[in-house]
Amino acid sequence: MPRFSNLPTEVGVEQTINVTVNLAGFLPEVRTTHRYDASLTTPPCSEAVHLLVFTEPVELSADQAAAATFKTSARPVQPLNGRTVEEDSTA
């Protein structure tokens, strides 16, 4: 798992770092996803969003989670309201 030691420590403070990031290192080995229609979680809460959620979770340490800048959710989890959840396999 990639290290999070280069995350900013203050919100809104821009900094330049000289680091190469391998984004594939953030993804799980098995890249099977659940796919479903959803809506934005911030106003205007439009319903034209297609979400892909990995079936294999990506884990963070307590220190990594504590370092996250986004600490709150904009709205509570919504019911499915008849939407279907489908699984896409990479196998």
PDB file of N, CA and C in Angstrom:
ATOM      1  N   MET A   1       0.850  -1.178   0.000  1.00  0.00           N
ATOM      2  CA  MET A   1       0.000   0.000   0.000  1.00  0.00           C
ATOM      3  C   MET A   1       0.889   1.232   0.000  1.00  0.00           C
ATOM      4  N   PRO A   2       0.554   2.211  -0.824  1.00  0.00           N
ATOM      5  CA  PRO A   2       1.360   3.436  -0.866  1.00  0.00           C
ATOM      6  C   PRO A   2       1.381   4.153   0.484  1.00  0.00           C
ATOM      7  N   ARG A   3       2.398   4.942   0.679  1.00  0.00           N
ATOM      8  CA  ARG A   3       2.514   5.713   1.915  1.00  0.00           C
ATOM      9  C   ARG A   3       1.795   7.039   1.769  1.00  0.00           C
ATOM     10  N   PHE A   4       1.324   7.544   2.870  1.00  0.00           N
ATOM     11  CA  PHE A   4       0.592   8.794   2.880  1.00  0.00           C
ATOM     12  C   PHE A   4       1.397   9.910   3.535  1.00  0.00           C
ATOM     13  N   SER A   5       2.701   9.746   3.586  1.00  0.00           N
ATOM     14  CA  SER A   5       3.530  10.714   4.304  1.00  0.00           C
ATOM     15  C   SER A   5       3.607  12.071   3.612  1.00  0.00           C
ATOM     16  N   ASN A   6       3.179  12.163   2.352  1.00  0.00           N
ATOM     17  CA  ASN A   6       3.239  13.443   1.639  1.00  0.00           C
ATOM     18  C   ASN A   6       1.907  14.183   1.603  1.00  0.00           C
ATOM     19  N   LEU A   7       0.913  13.711   2.338  1.00  0.00           N
ATOM     20  CA  LEU A   7      -0.362  14.419   2.386  1.00  0.00           C
ATOM     21  C   LEU A   7      -0.181  15.763   3.067  1.00  0.00           C
ATOM     22  N   PRO A   8      -0.917  16.775   2.617  1.00  0.00           N
ATOM     23  CA  PRO A   8      -0.824  18.074   3.302  1.00  0.00           C
ATOM     24  C   PRO A   8      -1.293  17.949   4.746  1.00  0.00           C
ATOM     25  N   THR A   9      -0.714  18.732   5.607  1.00  0.00           N
ATOM     26  CA  THR A   9      -1.100  18.691   7.022  1.00  0.00           C
ATOM     27  C   THR A   9      -2.104  19.770   7.372  1.00  0.00           C
ATOM     28  N   GLU A  10      -2.290  20.754   6.473  1.00  0.00           N
ATOM     29  CA  GLU A  10      -3.242  21.825   6.721  1.00  0.00           C
ATOM     30  C   GLU A  10      -4.181  21.972   5.526  1.00  0.00           C
ATOM     31  N   VAL A  11      -5.454  22.145   5.812  1.00  0.00           N
ATOM     32  CA  VAL A  11      -6.445  22.347   4.759  1.00  0.00           C
ATOM     33  C   VAL A  11      -6.205  23.696   4.098  1.00  0.00           C
ATOM     34  N   GLY A  12      -6.239  23.723   2.757  1.00  0.00           N
ATOM     35  CA  GLY A  12      -6.134  24.982   2.031  1.00  0.00           C
ATOM     36  C   GLY A  12      -4.725  25.488   1.813  1.00  0.00           C
ATOM     37  N   VAL A  13      -3.722  24.774   2.304  1.00  0.00           N
ATOM     38  CA  VAL A  13      -2.336  25.203   2.110  1.00  0.00           C
ATOM     39  C   VAL A  13      -1.754  24.404   0.956  1.00  0.00           C
ATOM     40  N   GLU A  14      -1.376  25.111  -0.106  1.00  0.00           N
ATOM     41  CA  GLU A  14      -0.832  24.452  -1.284  1.00  0.00           C
ATOM     42  C   GLU A  14       0.658  24.216  -1.095  1.00  0.00           C
ATOM     43  N   GLN A  15       1.117  23.025  -1.522  1.00  0.00           N
ATOM     44  CA  GLN A  15       2.542  22.740  -1.455  1.00  0.00           C
ATOM     45  C   GLN A  15       2.938  21.933  -2.671  1.00  0.00           C
ATOM     46  N   THR A  16       4.179  22.053  -3.059  1.00  0.00           N
ATOM     47  CA  THR A  16       4.715  21.310  -4.192  1.00  0.00           C
ATOM     48  C   THR A  16       5.654  20.248  -3.656  1.00  0.00           C
ATOM     49  N   ILE A  17       5.460  19.013  -4.141  1.00  0.00           N
ATOM     50  CA  ILE A  17       6.343  17.924  -3.733  1.00  0.00           C
ATOM     51  C   ILE A  17       6.891  17.248  -4.979  1.00  0.00           C
ATOM     52  N   ASN A  18       8.040  16.668  -4.881  1.00  0.00           N
ATOM     53  CA  ASN A  18       8.660  15.982  -6.003  1.00  0.00           C
ATOM     54  C   ASN A  18       8.589  14.479  -5.739  1.00  0.00           C
ATOM     55  N   VAL A  19       7.412  13.911  -6.016  1.00  0.00           N
ATOM     56  CA  VAL A  19       7.164  12.507  -5.731  1.00  0.00           C
ATOM     57  C   VAL A  19       6.458  11.874  -6.915  1.00  0.00           C
ATOM     58  N   THR A  20       6.853  10.672  -7.277  1.00  0.00           N
ATOM     59  CA  THR A  20       6.131   9.907  -8.285  1.00  0.00           C
ATOM     60  C   THR A  20       5.138   9.014  -7.566  1.00  0.00           C
ATOM     61  N   VAL A  21       3.881   9.046  -8.008  1.00  0.00           N
ATOM     62  CA  VAL A  21       2.831   8.257  -7.368  1.00  0.00           C
ATOM     63  C   VAL A  21       2.355   7.193  -8.348  1.00  0.00           C
ATOM     64  N   ASN A  22       2.390   5.937  -7.921  1.00  0.00           N
ATOM     65  CA  ASN A  22       1.850   4.830  -8.709  1.00  0.00           C
ATOM     66  C   ASN A  22       0.407   4.616  -8.244  1.00  0.00           C
ATOM     67  N   LEU A  23      -0.548   5.168  -8.975  1.00  0.00           N
ATOM     68  CA  LEU A  23      -1.950   5.093  -8.561  1.00  0.00           C
ATOM     69  C   LEU A  23      -2.472   3.659  -8.510  1.00  0.00           C
ATOM     70  N   ALA A  24      -1.909   2.757  -9.306  1.00  0.00           N
ATOM     71  CA  ALA A  24      -2.336   1.354  -9.269  1.00  0.00           C
ATOM     72  C   ALA A  24      -2.080   0.745  -7.893  1.00  0.00           C
ATOM     73  N   GLY A  25      -1.133   1.306  -7.147  1.00  0.00           N
ATOM     74  CA  GLY A  25      -0.838   0.811  -5.811  1.00  0.00           C
ATOM     75  C   GLY A  25      -1.960   1.073  -4.818  1.00  0.00           C
ATOM     76  N   PHE A  26      -2.889   1.950  -5.169  1.00  0.00           N
ATOM     77  CA  PHE A  26      -4.034   2.241  -4.311  1.00  0.00           C
ATOM     78  C   PHE A  26      -5.200   1.296  -4.573  1.00  0.00           C
ATOM     79  N   LEU A  27      -5.136   0.534  -5.649  1.00  0.00           N
ATOM     80  CA  LEU A  27      -6.243  -0.337  -6.040  1.00  0.00           C
ATOM     81  C   LEU A  27      -6.056  -1.750  -5.507  1.00  0.00           C
ATOM     82  N   PRO A  28      -7.157  -2.463  -5.239  1.00  0.00           N
ATOM     83  CA  PRO A  28      -7.030  -3.845  -4.786  1.00  0.00           C
ATOM     84  C   PRO A  28      -6.572  -4.748  -5.932  1.00  0.00           C
ATOM     85  N   GLU A  29      -6.028  -5.923  -5.585  1.00  0.00           N
ATOM     86  CA  GLU A  29      -5.599  -6.878  -6.617  1.00  0.00           C
ATOM     87  C   GLU A  29      -6.773  -7.329  -7.464  1.00  0.00           C
ATOM     88  N   VAL A  30      -7.861  -7.709  -6.808  1.00  0.00           N
ATOM     89  CA  VAL A  30      -9.065  -8.133  -7.511  1.00  0.00           C
ATOM     90  C   VAL A  30      -9.884  -6.881  -7.765  1.00  0.00           C
ATOM     91  N   ARG A  31     -10.126  -6.585  -9.030  1.00  0.00           N
ATOM     92  CA  ARG A  31     -10.797  -5.327  -9.371  1.00  0.00           C
ATOM     93  C   ARG A  31     -12.243  -5.536  -9.815  1.00  0.00           C
ATOM     94  N   THR A  32     -12.894  -6.506  -9.204  1.00  0.00           N
ATOM     95  CA  THR A  32     -14.317  -6.708  -9.446  1.00  0.00           C
ATOM     96  C   THR A  32     -15.072  -5.589  -8.740  1.00  0.00           C
ATOM     97  N   THR A  33     -16.124  -5.099  -9.378  1.00  0.00           N
ATOM     98  CA  THR A  33     -16.871  -3.979  -8.814  1.00  0.00           C
ATOM     99  C   THR A  33     -18.361  -4.264  -8.745  1.00  0.00           C
ATOM    100  N   HIS A  34     -19.025  -3.553  -7.862  1.00  0.00           N
ATOM    101  CA  HIS A  34     -20.479  -3.454  -7.860  1.00  0.00           C
ATOM    102  C   HIS A  34     -20.789  -2.156  -8.588  1.00  0.00           C
ATOM    103  N   ARG A  35     -21.787  -2.184  -9.470  1.00  0.00           N
ATOM    104  CA  ARG A  35     -22.146  -1.017 -10.274  1.00  0.00           C
ATOM    105  C   ARG A  35     -23.600  -0.675 -10.015  1.00  0.00           C
ATOM    106  N   TYR A  36     -23.875   0.615  -9.776  1.00  0.00           N
ATOM    107  CA  TYR A  36     -25.267   1.030  -9.594  1.00  0.00           C
ATOM    108  C   TYR A  36     -25.428   2.517  -9.875  1.00  0.00           C
ATOM    109  N   ASP A  37     -26.658   2.880 -10.205  1.00  0.00           N
ATOM    110  CA  ASP A  37     -26.992   4.283 -10.427  1.00  0.00           C
ATOM    111  C   ASP A  37     -27.187   4.946  -9.075  1.00  0.00           C
ATOM    112  N   ALA A  38     -26.736   6.172  -8.963  1.00  0.00           N
ATOM    113  CA  ALA A  38     -26.814   6.884  -7.691  1.00  0.00           C
ATOM    114  C   ALA A  38     -27.064   8.360  -7.964  1.00  0.00           C
ATOM    115  N   SER A  39     -26.805   9.170  -6.962  1.00  0.00           N
ATOM    116  CA  SER A  39     -26.937  10.615  -7.120  1.00  0.00           C
ATOM    117  C   SER A  39     -25.761  11.286  -6.420  1.00  0.00           C
ATOM    118  N   LEU A  40     -25.523  12.534  -6.772  1.00  0.00           N
ATOM    119  CA  LEU A  40     -24.469  13.301  -6.118  1.00  0.00           C
ATOM    120  C   LEU A  40     -24.768  13.414  -4.627  1.00  0.00           C
ATOM    121  N   THR A  41     -23.728  13.477  -3.820  1.00  0.00           N
ATOM    122  CA  THR A  41     -23.925  13.579  -2.369  1.00  0.00           C
ATOM    123  C   THR A  41     -23.897  15.021  -1.871  1.00  0.00           C
ATOM    124  N   THR A  42     -23.715  15.945  -2.796  1.00  0.00           N
ATOM    125  CA  THR A  42     -23.756  17.362  -2.446  1.00  0.00           C
ATOM    126  C   THR A  42     -24.748  18.050  -3.387  1.00  0.00           C
ATOM    127  N   PRO A  43     -25.322  19.174  -2.987  1.00  0.00           N
ATOM    128  CA  PRO A  43     -26.288  19.845  -3.857  1.00  0.00           C
ATOM    129  C   PRO A  43     -25.689  20.085  -5.234  1.00  0.00           C
ATOM    130  N   PRO A  44     -26.433  19.831  -6.273  1.00  0.00           N
ATOM    131  CA  PRO A  44     -27.880  19.695  -6.364  1.00  0.00           C
ATOM    132  C   PRO A  44     -28.395  18.261  -6.206  1.00  0.00           C
ATOM    133  N   CYS A  45     -27.560  17.313  -5.778  1.00  0.00           N
ATOM    134  CA  CYS A  45     -27.958  15.916  -5.560  1.00  0.00           C
ATOM    135  C   CYS A  45     -28.557  15.288  -6.817  1.00  0.00           C
ATOM    136  N   SER A  46     -28.042  15.650  -7.976  1.00  0.00           N
ATOM    137  CA  SER A  46     -28.506  15.109  -9.261  1.00  0.00           C
ATOM    138  C   SER A  46     -28.371  13.599  -9.290  1.00  0.00           C
ATOM    139  N   GLU A  47     -29.262  12.951 -10.036  1.00  0.00           N
ATOM    140  CA  GLU A  47     -29.270  11.487 -10.082  1.00  0.00           C
ATOM    141  C   GLU A  47     -28.617  10.928 -11.341  1.00  0.00           C
ATOM    142  N   ALA A  48     -27.708  11.625 -11.942  1.00  0.00           N
ATOM    143  CA  ALA A  48     -27.065  11.163 -13.167  1.00  0.00           C
ATOM    144  C   ALA A  48     -25.663  10.636 -12.881  1.00  0.00           C
ATOM    145  N   VAL A  49     -25.516   9.848 -11.820  1.00  0.00           N
ATOM    146  CA  VAL A  49     -24.209   9.343 -11.407  1.00  0.00           C
ATOM    147  C   VAL A  49     -24.209   7.827 -11.487  1.00  0.00           C
ATOM    148  N   HIS A  50     -23.157   7.247 -12.063  1.00  0.00           N
ATOM    149  CA  HIS A  50     -22.998   5.800 -12.114  1.00  0.00           C
ATOM    150  C   HIS A  50     -21.793   5.454 -11.245  1.00  0.00           C
ATOM    151  N   LEU A  51     -22.008   4.747 -10.156  1.00  0.00           N
ATOM    152  CA  LEU A  51     -20.933   4.432  -9.214  1.00  0.00           C
ATOM    153  C   LEU A  51     -20.391   3.031  -9.436  1.00  0.00           C
ATOM    154  N   LEU A  52     -19.091   2.896  -9.284  1.00  0.00           N
ATOM    155  CA  LEU A  52     -18.405   1.605  -9.267  1.00  0.00           C
ATOM    156  C   LEU A  52     -17.724   1.502  -7.914  1.00  0.00           C
ATOM    157  N   VAL A  53     -18.008   0.432  -7.185  1.00  0.00           N
ATOM    158  CA  VAL A  53     -17.439   0.230  -5.857  1.00  0.00           C
ATOM    159  C   VAL A  53     -16.736  -1.124  -5.863  1.00  0.00           C
ATOM    160  N   PHE A  54     -15.462  -1.144  -5.514  1.00  0.00           N
ATOM    161  CA  PHE A  54     -14.730  -2.409  -5.487  1.00  0.00           C
ATOM    162  C   PHE A  54     -15.350  -3.382  -4.493  1.00  0.00           C
ATOM    163  N   THR A  55     -15.407  -4.665  -4.876  1.00  0.00           N
ATOM    164  CA  THR A  55     -15.921  -5.686  -3.962  1.00  0.00           C
ATOM    165  C   THR A  55     -14.875  -6.030  -2.902  1.00  0.00           C
ATOM    166  N   GLU A  56     -13.605  -5.821  -3.219  1.00  0.00           N
ATOM    167  CA  GLU A  56     -12.523  -6.048  -2.256  1.00  0.00           C
ATOM    168  C   GLU A  56     -12.150  -4.698  -1.642  1.00  0.00           C
ATOM    169  N   PRO A  57     -12.311  -4.555  -0.329  1.00  0.00           N
ATOM    170  CA  PRO A  57     -12.032  -3.244   0.273  1.00  0.00           C
ATOM    171  C   PRO A  57     -10.552  -2.870   0.209  1.00  0.00           C
ATOM    172  N   VAL A  58     -10.301  -1.585   0.164  1.00  0.00           N
ATOM    173  CA  VAL A  58      -8.959  -1.039   0.279  1.00  0.00           C
ATOM    174  C   VAL A  58      -8.827  -0.571   1.716  1.00  0.00           C
ATOM    175  N   GLU A  59      -7.839  -1.082   2.427  1.00  0.00           N
ATOM    176  CA  GLU A  59      -7.722  -0.785   3.849  1.00  0.00           C
ATOM    177  C   GLU A  59      -6.751   0.357   4.110  1.00  0.00           C
ATOM    178  N   LEU A  60      -7.075   1.119   5.122  1.00  0.00           N
ATOM    179  CA  LEU A  60      -6.210   2.198   5.600  1.00  0.00           C
ATOM    180  C   LEU A  60      -5.896   1.954   7.062  1.00  0.00           C
ATOM    181  N   SER A  61      -4.748   2.391   7.484  1.00  0.00           N
ATOM    182  CA  SER A  61      -4.426   2.333   8.901  1.00  0.00           C
ATOM    183  C   SER A  61      -5.182   3.447   9.617  1.00  0.00           C
ATOM    184  N   ALA A  62      -5.253   3.373  10.922  1.00  0.00           N
ATOM    185  CA  ALA A  62      -5.905   4.430  11.710  1.00  0.00           C
ATOM    186  C   ALA A  62      -5.204   5.768  11.476  1.00  0.00           C
ATOM    187  N   ASP A  63      -3.873   5.751  11.359  1.00  0.00           N
ATOM    188  CA  ASP A  63      -3.122   6.988  11.115  1.00  0.00           C
ATOM    189  C   ASP A  63      -3.451   7.577   9.743  1.00  0.00           C
ATOM    190  N   GLN A  64      -3.587   6.709   8.727  1.00  0.00           N
ATOM    191  CA  GLN A  64      -3.928   7.190   7.391  1.00  0.00           C
ATOM    192  C   GLN A  64      -5.337   7.781   7.373  1.00  0.00           C
ATOM    193  N   ALA A  65      -6.272   7.128   8.033  1.00  0.00           N
ATOM    194  CA  ALA A  65      -7.648   7.635   8.082  1.00  0.00           C
ATOM    195  C   ALA A  65      -7.696   8.966   8.826  1.00  0.00           C
ATOM    196  N   ALA A  66      -6.927   9.088   9.887  1.00  0.00           N
ATOM    197  CA  ALA A  66      -6.898  10.328  10.665  1.00  0.00           C
ATOM    198  C   ALA A  66      -6.298  11.479   9.862  1.00  0.00           C
ATOM    199  N   ALA A  67      -5.416  11.158   8.901  1.00  0.00           N
ATOM    200  CA  ALA A  67      -4.776  12.187   8.089  1.00  0.00           C
ATOM    201  C   ALA A  67      -5.677  12.684   6.960  1.00  0.00           C
ATOM    202  N   ALA A  68      -6.784  12.025   6.724  1.00  0.00           N
ATOM    203  CA  ALA A  68      -7.674  12.409   5.626  1.00  0.00           C
ATOM    204  C   ALA A  68      -8.212  13.816   5.843  1.00  0.00           C
ATOM    205  N   THR A  69      -8.271  14.586   4.761  1.00  0.00           N
ATOM    206  CA  THR A  69      -8.753  15.962   4.851  1.00  0.00           C
ATOM    207  C   THR A  69     -10.278  16.018   4.896  1.00  0.00           C
ATOM    208  N   PHE A  70     -10.951  15.082   4.206  1.00  0.00           N
ATOM    209  CA  PHE A  70     -12.407  15.075   4.147  1.00  0.00           C
ATOM    210  C   PHE A  70     -12.928  14.200   5.276  1.00  0.00           C
ATOM    211  N   LYS A  71     -13.458  14.806   6.301  1.00  0.00           N
ATOM    212  CA  LYS A  71     -13.842  14.056   7.488  1.00  0.00           C
ATOM    213  C   LYS A  71     -15.343  13.842   7.635  1.00  0.00           C
ATOM    214  N   THR A  72     -16.153  14.509   6.829  1.00  0.00           N
ATOM    215  CA  THR A  72     -17.595  14.359   6.978  1.00  0.00           C
ATOM    216  C   THR A  72     -18.242  14.001   5.660  1.00  0.00           C
ATOM    217  N   SER A  73     -19.430  13.431   5.754  1.00  0.00           N
ATOM    218  CA  SER A  73     -20.222  13.122   4.576  1.00  0.00           C
ATOM    219  C   SER A  73     -21.279  14.203   4.434  1.00  0.00           C
ATOM    220  N   ALA A  74     -21.624  14.538   3.206  1.00  0.00           N
ATOM    221  CA  ALA A  74     -22.563  15.624   2.981  1.00  0.00           C
ATOM    222  C   ALA A  74     -24.012  15.211   3.234  1.00  0.00           C
ATOM    223  N   ARG A  75     -24.310  13.921   3.153  1.00  0.00           N
ATOM    224  CA  ARG A  75     -25.683  13.494   3.406  1.00  0.00           C
ATOM    225  C   ARG A  75     -25.700  12.040   3.822  1.00  0.00           C
ATOM    226  N   PRO A  76     -26.745  11.596   4.498  1.00  0.00           N
ATOM    227  CA  PRO A  76     -26.795  10.206   4.949  1.00  0.00           C
ATOM    228  C   PRO A  76     -26.999   9.242   3.792  1.00  0.00           C
ATOM    229  N   VAL A  77     -26.721   7.970   4.040  1.00  0.00           N
ATOM    230  CA  VAL A  77     -26.932   6.915   3.053  1.00  0.00           C
ATOM    231  C   VAL A  77     -28.411   6.893   2.683  1.00  0.00           C
ATOM    232  N   GLN A  78     -28.692   6.752   1.392  1.00  0.00           N
ATOM    233  CA  GLN A  78     -30.058   6.759   0.895  1.00  0.00           C
ATOM    234  C   GLN A  78     -30.523   5.335   0.586  1.00  0.00           C
ATOM    235  N   PRO A  79     -31.828   5.064   0.657  1.00  0.00           N
ATOM    236  CA  PRO A  79     -32.332   3.735   0.299  1.00  0.00           C
ATOM    237  C   PRO A  79     -32.161   3.480  -1.199  1.00  0.00           C
ATOM    238  N   LEU A  80     -32.185   2.206  -1.613  1.00  0.00           N
ATOM    239  CA  LEU A  80     -32.020   1.854  -3.025  1.00  0.00           C
ATOM    240  C   LEU A  80     -33.154   2.380  -3.899  1.00  0.00           C
ATOM    241  N   ASN A  81     -34.354   2.474  -3.355  1.00  0.00           N
ATOM    242  CA  ASN A  81     -35.504   2.978  -4.126  1.00  0.00           C
ATOM    243  C   ASN A  81     -35.656   2.286  -5.475  1.00  0.00           C
ATOM    244  N   GLY A  82     -35.534   0.964  -5.468  1.00  0.00           N
ATOM    245  CA  GLY A  82     -35.752   0.192  -6.689  1.00  0.00           C
ATOM    246  C   GLY A  82     -34.553   0.077  -7.611  1.00  0.00           C
ATOM    247  N   ARG A  83     -33.441   0.747  -7.309  1.00  0.00           N
ATOM    248  CA  ARG A  83     -32.254   0.631  -8.156  1.00  0.00           C
ATOM    249  C   ARG A  83     -31.642  -0.752  -7.975  1.00  0.00           C
ATOM    250  N   THR A  84     -31.013  -1.268  -9.006  1.00  0.00           N
ATOM    251  CA  THR A  84     -30.362  -2.575  -8.910  1.00  0.00           C
ATOM    252  C   THR A  84     -28.863  -2.395  -8.766  1.00  0.00           C
ATOM    253  N   VAL A  85     -28.243  -3.336  -8.073  1.00  0.00           N
ATOM    254  CA  VAL A  85     -26.792  -3.367  -7.919  1.00  0.00           C
ATOM    255  C   VAL A  85     -26.302  -4.556  -8.721  1.00  0.00           C
ATOM    256  N   GLU A  86     -25.378  -4.321  -9.655  1.00  0.00           N
ATOM    257  CA  GLU A  86     -24.855  -5.386 -10.504  1.00  0.00           C
ATOM    258  C   GLU A  86     -23.364  -5.546 -10.233  1.00  0.00           C
ATOM    259  N   GLU A  87     -22.865  -6.776 -10.472  1.00  0.00           N
ATOM    260  CA  GLU A  87     -21.447  -7.045 -10.257  1.00  0.00           C
ATOM    261  C   GLU A  87     -20.751  -7.177 -11.590  1.00  0.00           C
ATOM    262  N   ASP A  88     -19.641  -6.483 -11.755  1.00  0.00           N
ATOM    263  CA  ASP A  88     -18.796  -6.573 -12.952  1.00  0.00           C
ATOM    264  C   ASP A  88     -17.524  -7.298 -12.546  1.00  0.00           C
ATOM    265  N   SER A  89     -17.124  -8.309 -13.296  1.00  0.00           N
ATOM    266  CA  SER A  89     -15.952  -9.095 -12.939  1.00  0.00           C
ATOM    267  C   SER A  89     -14.798  -8.789 -13.874  1.00  0.00           C
ATOM    268  N   THR A  90     -13.595  -8.761 -13.322  1.00  0.00           N
ATOM    269  CA  THR A  90     -12.396  -8.565 -14.149  1.00  0.00           C
ATOM    270  C   THR A  90     -11.781  -9.887 -14.547  1.00  0.00           C
ATOM    271  N   ALA A  91     -12.351 -10.983 -14.058  1.00  0.00           N
ATOM    272  CA  ALA A  91     -11.793 -12.315 -14.353  1.00  0.00           C
ATOM    273  C   ALA A  91     -12.149 -12.777 -15.741  1.00  0.00           C
TER     274      ALA A  91
END
